[in-house]
Amino acid sequence: MLYAASTEPANLAMRGALLALDGLPGFDALKAQCQGESFVPYEYDGATYGVPFTQQFPMLFYRTDILQELGLSVPQVTQIFLKLRQMGLDIPADVYTIPYAVKTIQKALAAKQGGGANA
């Protein structure tokens, strides 16, 4: 199957209609060339049933000269989140804004303290 929506491989896999790609010659090398998270939509029950056709690389650009003119420094969200992940908090890799970062940190802390993911 070529060019299917990312939901289709798992949909078909749960019905036994697809062969898992794990263990096939060259699959590990192919998977190593891609972002790890790009295979998540193609995984079902511990096996991989598809390969991403495209990958996205979200980026954020900012003007340090404007921030400095306003008396602001560049937010260090990436470094903060890497440190929080090292500390064992479940922080997703797609956090780009300060409000989303605050909400994500609060959610992760609540889950770690036993308050559940929706606290």
N, C-alpha and C. Protein backbone atom coordinates (compact mmCIF):
# COMPACT_ATOMS: atom_id res chain seq x y z
N MET A 1 0.85 -1.16 0.00
CA MET A 1 0.00 0.00 0.00
C MET A 1 0.90 1.23 0.00
N LEU A 2 0.68 2.13 -0.94
CA LEU A 2 1.48 3.36 -1.03
C LEU A 2 0.61 4.58 -0.79
N TYR A 3 1.19 5.59 -0.19
CA TYR A 3 0.56 6.89 -0.01
C TYR A 3 -0.76 6.83 0.75
N ALA A 4 -0.82 6.03 1.76
CA ALA A 4 -2.02 5.94 2.58
C ALA A 4 -1.94 6.95 3.72
N ALA A 5 -3.07 7.34 4.24
CA ALA A 5 -3.10 8.21 5.42
C ALA A 5 -2.41 7.50 6.57
N SER A 6 -1.82 8.25 7.47
CA SER A 6 -1.07 7.64 8.57
C SER A 6 -1.93 6.78 9.49
N THR A 7 -3.24 6.93 9.43
CA THR A 7 -4.12 6.13 10.27
C THR A 7 -4.40 4.74 9.68
N GLU A 8 -4.21 4.60 8.38
CA GLU A 8 -4.57 3.35 7.72
C GLU A 8 -3.72 2.13 8.10
N PRO A 9 -2.38 2.24 8.19
CA PRO A 9 -1.61 1.04 8.54
C PRO A 9 -2.03 0.40 9.86
N ALA A 10 -2.22 1.18 10.91
CA ALA A 10 -2.65 0.60 12.18
C ALA A 10 -4.06 0.05 12.07
N ASN A 11 -4.91 0.73 11.33
CA ASN A 11 -6.29 0.28 11.11
C ASN A 11 -6.28 -1.10 10.45
N LEU A 12 -5.49 -1.27 9.42
CA LEU A 12 -5.42 -2.55 8.72
C LEU A 12 -4.66 -3.60 9.52
N ALA A 13 -3.65 -3.17 10.27
CA ALA A 13 -2.87 -4.11 11.08
C ALA A 13 -3.73 -4.77 12.15
N MET A 14 -4.62 -4.01 12.78
CA MET A 14 -5.46 -4.60 13.83
C MET A 14 -6.46 -5.59 13.26
N ARG A 15 -6.64 -5.57 11.96
CA ARG A 15 -7.52 -6.54 11.29
C ARG A 15 -6.74 -7.69 10.68
N GLY A 16 -5.40 -7.69 10.87
CA GLY A 16 -4.57 -8.76 10.35
C GLY A 16 -4.32 -8.68 8.86
N ALA A 17 -4.50 -7.50 8.27
CA ALA A 17 -4.37 -7.35 6.83
C ALA A 17 -2.98 -6.92 6.37
N LEU A 18 -2.08 -6.60 7.30
CA LEU A 18 -0.74 -6.16 6.93
C LEU A 18 0.32 -6.99 7.64
N LEU A 19 1.48 -7.07 7.03
CA LEU A 19 2.64 -7.73 7.61
C LEU A 19 3.49 -6.69 8.33
N ALA A 20 3.94 -7.02 9.52
CA ALA A 20 4.82 -6.09 10.25
C ALA A 20 6.15 -5.96 9.52
N LEU A 21 6.69 -4.75 9.51
CA LEU A 21 7.95 -4.48 8.83
C LEU A 21 9.16 -4.79 9.70
N ASP A 22 8.96 -4.85 11.00
CA ASP A 22 10.07 -5.12 11.92
C ASP A 22 10.74 -6.44 11.55
N GLY A 23 12.06 -6.44 11.51
CA GLY A 23 12.79 -7.66 11.20
C GLY A 23 13.04 -7.89 9.72
N LEU A 24 12.39 -7.13 8.85
CA LEU A 24 12.66 -7.28 7.43
C LEU A 24 14.03 -6.70 7.10
N PRO A 25 14.73 -7.27 6.13
CA PRO A 25 16.07 -6.78 5.78
C PRO A 25 16.04 -5.29 5.42
N GLY A 26 16.91 -4.52 6.05
CA GLY A 26 17.04 -3.10 5.77
C GLY A 26 16.11 -2.20 6.53
N PHE A 27 15.13 -2.78 7.24
CA PHE A 27 14.16 -1.91 7.91
C PHE A 27 14.80 -1.11 9.04
N ASP A 28 15.67 -1.75 9.84
CA ASP A 28 16.31 -1.01 10.93
C ASP A 28 17.15 0.15 10.41
N ALA A 29 17.85 -0.06 9.30
CA ALA A 29 18.66 1.01 8.71
C ALA A 29 17.77 2.14 8.21
N LEU A 30 16.65 1.79 7.60
CA LEU A 30 15.71 2.80 7.13
C LEU A 30 15.13 3.59 8.30
N LYS A 31 14.74 2.88 9.34
CA LYS A 31 14.15 3.52 10.51
C LYS A 31 15.14 4.46 11.19
N ALA A 32 16.42 4.09 11.17
CA ALA A 32 17.45 4.92 11.81
C ALA A 32 17.64 6.25 11.08
N GLN A 33 17.24 6.33 9.82
CA GLN A 33 17.40 7.56 9.04
C GLN A 33 16.28 8.57 9.31
N CYS A 34 15.25 8.16 10.02
CA CYS A 34 14.08 9.01 10.25
C CYS A 34 14.01 9.46 11.71
N GLN A 35 13.24 10.49 11.94
CA GLN A 35 12.95 10.91 13.31
C GLN A 35 12.20 9.77 13.99
N GLY A 36 12.57 9.47 15.23
CA GLY A 36 11.93 8.38 15.94
C GLY A 36 10.43 8.51 16.06
N GLU A 37 9.94 9.72 16.32
CA GLU A 37 8.51 9.92 16.50
C GLU A 37 7.72 9.78 15.21
N SER A 38 8.40 9.84 14.07
CA SER A 38 7.67 9.78 12.80
C SER A 38 7.05 8.41 12.55
N PHE A 39 7.48 7.39 13.27
CA PHE A 39 6.92 6.05 13.08
C PHE A 39 5.73 5.76 13.99
N VAL A 40 5.49 6.60 14.97
CA VAL A 40 4.41 6.35 15.94
C VAL A 40 3.06 6.07 15.29
N PRO A 41 2.62 6.85 14.29
CA PRO A 41 1.30 6.57 13.69
C PRO A 41 1.23 5.21 12.97
N TYR A 42 2.37 4.64 12.66
CA TYR A 42 2.41 3.39 11.90
C TYR A 42 2.63 2.18 12.80
N GLU A 43 2.63 2.38 14.10
CA GLU A 43 2.86 1.29 15.04
C GLU A 43 1.55 0.82 15.64
N TYR A 44 1.49 -0.48 15.83
CA TYR A 44 0.31 -1.08 16.48
C TYR A 44 0.77 -2.34 17.21
N ASP A 45 0.39 -2.45 18.45
CA ASP A 45 0.65 -3.64 19.25
C ASP A 45 2.13 -4.04 19.24
N GLY A 46 3.01 -3.04 19.33
CA GLY A 46 4.45 -3.30 19.43
C GLY A 46 5.16 -3.54 18.11
N ALA A 47 4.48 -3.44 16.99
CA ALA A 47 5.10 -3.66 15.68
C ALA A 47 4.85 -2.46 14.78
N THR A 48 5.67 -2.33 13.73
CA THR A 48 5.56 -1.22 12.79
C THR A 48 4.99 -1.72 11.47
N TYR A 49 3.99 -1.01 10.96
CA TYR A 49 3.28 -1.44 9.75
C TYR A 49 3.33 -0.43 8.61
N GLY A 50 4.13 0.59 8.74
CA GLY A 50 4.22 1.59 7.68
C GLY A 50 5.47 2.43 7.85
N VAL A 51 5.77 3.20 6.83
CA VAL A 51 6.93 4.08 6.81
C VAL A 51 6.44 5.48 6.43
N PRO A 52 6.87 6.48 7.16
CA PRO A 52 6.42 7.84 6.80
C PRO A 52 6.97 8.25 5.44
N PHE A 53 6.11 8.83 4.64
CA PHE A 53 6.51 9.30 3.32
C PHE A 53 7.20 10.66 3.42
N THR A 54 6.77 11.46 4.36
CA THR A 54 7.38 12.77 4.60
C THR A 54 7.64 12.92 6.10
N GLN A 55 8.50 13.86 6.43
CA GLN A 55 8.76 14.20 7.82
C GLN A 55 8.67 15.71 7.96
N GLN A 56 8.27 16.14 9.14
CA GLN A 56 8.20 17.57 9.40
C GLN A 56 9.28 17.95 10.40
N PHE A 57 9.85 19.09 10.20
CA PHE A 57 10.87 19.61 11.09
C PHE A 57 10.44 20.99 11.56
N PRO A 58 9.59 21.05 12.59
CA PRO A 58 9.12 22.35 13.06
C PRO A 58 10.30 23.21 13.55
N MET A 59 10.28 24.47 13.14
CA MET A 59 11.33 25.40 13.54
C MET A 59 10.72 26.71 14.00
N LEU A 60 11.44 27.38 14.82
CA LEU A 60 11.01 28.68 15.30
C LEU A 60 12.14 29.67 15.04
N PHE A 61 11.82 30.78 14.42
CA PHE A 61 12.80 31.82 14.17
C PHE A 61 12.43 33.05 14.98
N TYR A 62 13.43 33.74 15.46
CA TYR A 62 13.18 34.96 16.24
C TYR A 62 14.26 35.98 15.92
N ARG A 63 13.94 37.23 16.18
CA ARG A 63 14.86 38.33 15.96
C ARG A 63 15.43 38.78 17.29
N THR A 64 16.68 38.40 17.55
CA THR A 64 17.30 38.77 18.82
C THR A 64 17.43 40.28 18.96
N ASP A 65 17.63 40.98 17.85
CA ASP A 65 17.78 42.43 17.94
C ASP A 65 16.50 43.09 18.46
N ILE A 66 15.34 42.58 18.03
CA ILE A 66 14.07 43.13 18.51
C ILE A 66 13.86 42.77 19.98
N LEU A 67 14.16 41.52 20.34
CA LEU A 67 14.02 41.13 21.74
C LEU A 67 14.91 41.98 22.64
N GLN A 68 16.17 42.20 22.22
CA GLN A 68 17.09 43.02 23.01
C GLN A 68 16.60 44.46 23.10
N GLU A 69 16.07 44.97 22.03
CA GLU A 69 15.54 46.34 22.02
C GLU A 69 14.39 46.48 23.02
N LEU A 70 13.62 45.42 23.21
CA LEU A 70 12.52 45.43 24.16
C LEU A 70 12.97 45.06 25.58
N GLY A 71 14.27 44.78 25.73
CA GLY A 71 14.78 44.41 27.04
C GLY A 71 14.51 42.96 27.41
N LEU A 72 14.28 42.13 26.41
CA LEU A 72 13.97 40.72 26.66
C LEU A 72 15.12 39.83 26.19
N SER A 73 15.23 38.69 26.80
CA SER A 73 16.21 37.71 26.34
C SER A 73 15.48 36.60 25.59
N VAL A 74 16.22 35.80 24.89
CA VAL A 74 15.63 34.70 24.13
C VAL A 74 15.17 33.62 25.11
N PRO A 75 13.90 33.22 25.04
CA PRO A 75 13.41 32.16 25.93
C PRO A 75 14.19 30.86 25.70
N GLN A 76 14.53 30.18 26.76
CA GLN A 76 15.32 28.96 26.69
C GLN A 76 14.44 27.72 26.91
N VAL A 77 13.30 27.68 26.23
CA VAL A 77 12.33 26.60 26.41
C VAL A 77 12.96 25.24 26.11
N THR A 78 13.73 25.15 25.02
CA THR A 78 14.32 23.87 24.65
C THR A 78 15.22 23.33 25.74
N GLN A 79 16.11 24.16 26.27
CA GLN A 79 17.02 23.71 27.32
C GLN A 79 16.27 23.32 28.58
N ILE A 80 15.24 24.09 28.91
CA ILE A 80 14.44 23.78 30.09
C ILE A 80 13.75 22.43 29.92
N PHE A 81 13.18 22.18 28.77
CA PHE A 81 12.46 20.92 28.54
C PHE A 81 13.41 19.73 28.48
N LEU A 82 14.59 19.91 27.91
CA LEU A 82 15.57 18.82 27.92
C LEU A 82 15.93 18.45 29.36
N LYS A 83 16.13 19.45 30.19
CA LYS A 83 16.46 19.20 31.60
C LYS A 83 15.29 18.51 32.32
N LEU A 84 14.07 18.95 32.06
CA LEU A 84 12.90 18.32 32.68
C LEU A 84 12.76 16.86 32.24
N ARG A 85 13.06 16.58 30.97
CA ARG A 85 13.01 15.18 30.51
C ARG A 85 14.06 14.35 31.23
N GLN A 86 15.26 14.92 31.43
CA GLN A 86 16.32 14.22 32.15
C GLN A 86 15.90 13.95 33.60
N MET A 87 15.05 14.81 34.13
CA MET A 87 14.57 14.64 35.51
C MET A 87 13.42 13.64 35.59
N GLY A 88 12.98 13.10 34.44
CA GLY A 88 11.96 12.08 34.44
C GLY A 88 10.54 12.54 34.16
N LEU A 89 10.35 13.82 33.82
CA LEU A 89 9.01 14.29 33.49
C LEU A 89 8.68 13.92 32.05
N ASP A 90 7.46 13.52 31.81
CA ASP A 90 7.01 13.14 30.47
C ASP A 90 6.63 14.40 29.69
N ILE A 91 7.61 14.96 28.98
CA ILE A 91 7.43 16.20 28.24
C ILE A 91 7.48 15.88 26.75
N PRO A 92 6.44 16.25 25.98
CA PRO A 92 6.46 15.98 24.54
C PRO A 92 7.50 16.86 23.83
N ALA A 93 7.85 16.45 22.62
CA ALA A 93 8.86 17.17 21.85
C ALA A 93 8.29 18.32 21.03
N ASP A 94 6.99 18.56 21.07
CA ASP A 94 6.38 19.57 20.20
C ASP A 94 5.94 20.82 20.95
N VAL A 95 6.66 21.20 21.97
CA VAL A 95 6.30 22.39 22.75
C VAL A 95 7.09 23.58 22.20
N TYR A 96 6.38 24.59 21.68
CA TYR A 96 7.04 25.72 21.04
C TYR A 96 6.71 27.07 21.65
N THR A 97 5.63 27.17 22.39
CA THR A 97 5.25 28.46 22.93
C THR A 97 5.32 28.43 24.46
N ILE A 98 5.52 29.59 25.05
CA ILE A 98 5.60 29.68 26.50
C ILE A 98 4.29 29.23 27.16
N PRO A 99 3.10 29.69 26.69
CA PRO A 99 1.86 29.22 27.33
C PRO A 99 1.70 27.70 27.25
N TYR A 100 2.04 27.12 26.10
CA TYR A 100 1.94 25.66 25.96
C TYR A 100 2.96 24.98 26.88
N ALA A 101 4.15 25.59 27.01
CA ALA A 101 5.17 25.04 27.89
C ALA A 101 4.69 25.02 29.33
N VAL A 102 4.11 26.14 29.77
CA VAL A 102 3.61 26.22 31.15
C VAL A 102 2.54 25.16 31.39
N LYS A 103 1.58 25.06 30.48
CA LYS A 103 0.50 24.07 30.61
C LYS A 103 1.07 22.65 30.63
N THR A 104 2.04 22.38 29.78
CA THR A 104 2.64 21.05 29.70
C THR A 104 3.39 20.70 30.98
N ILE A 105 4.13 21.66 31.51
CA ILE A 105 4.88 21.42 32.75
C ILE A 105 3.91 21.17 33.90
N GLN A 106 2.85 21.98 33.99
CA GLN A 106 1.87 21.77 35.06
C GLN A 106 1.22 20.39 34.96
N LYS A 107 0.90 19.98 33.77
CA LYS A 107 0.28 18.68 33.55
C LYS A 107 1.25 17.55 33.94
N ALA A 108 2.51 17.66 33.53
CA ALA A 108 3.50 16.65 33.84
C ALA A 108 3.76 16.56 35.35
N LEU A 109 3.83 17.71 36.00
CA LEU A 109 4.05 17.72 37.45
C LEU A 109 2.85 17.09 38.19
N ALA A 110 1.66 17.41 37.76
CA ALA A 110 0.46 16.84 38.38
C ALA A 110 0.43 15.33 38.21
N ALA A 111 0.80 14.85 37.02
CA ALA A 111 0.83 13.40 36.78
C ALA A 111 1.90 12.73 37.64
N LYS A 112 3.06 13.38 37.78
CA LYS A 112 4.15 12.81 38.58
C LYS A 112 3.78 12.77 40.07
N GLN A 113 2.99 13.75 40.51
CA GLN A 113 2.61 13.81 41.92
C GLN A 113 1.36 12.98 42.20
N GLY A 114 0.87 12.27 41.18
CA GLY A 114 -0.28 11.40 41.40
C GLY A 114 -1.61 12.08 41.18
N GLY A 115 -1.59 13.27 40.62
CA GLY A 115 -2.83 14.00 40.38
C GLY A 115 -3.49 13.64 39.07
N GLY A 116 -2.86 12.75 38.31
CA GLY A 116 -3.43 12.36 37.02
C GLY A 116 -3.04 13.32 35.93
N ALA A 117 -3.23 12.90 34.70
CA ALA A 117 -2.83 13.69 33.54
C ALA A 117 -3.72 14.90 33.32
N ASN A 118 -4.94 14.88 33.85
CA ASN A 118 -5.86 15.98 33.61
C ASN A 118 -5.94 16.97 34.76
N ALA A 119 -5.07 16.82 35.71
CA ALA A 119 -5.11 17.71 36.88
C ALA A 119 -4.65 19.10 36.54
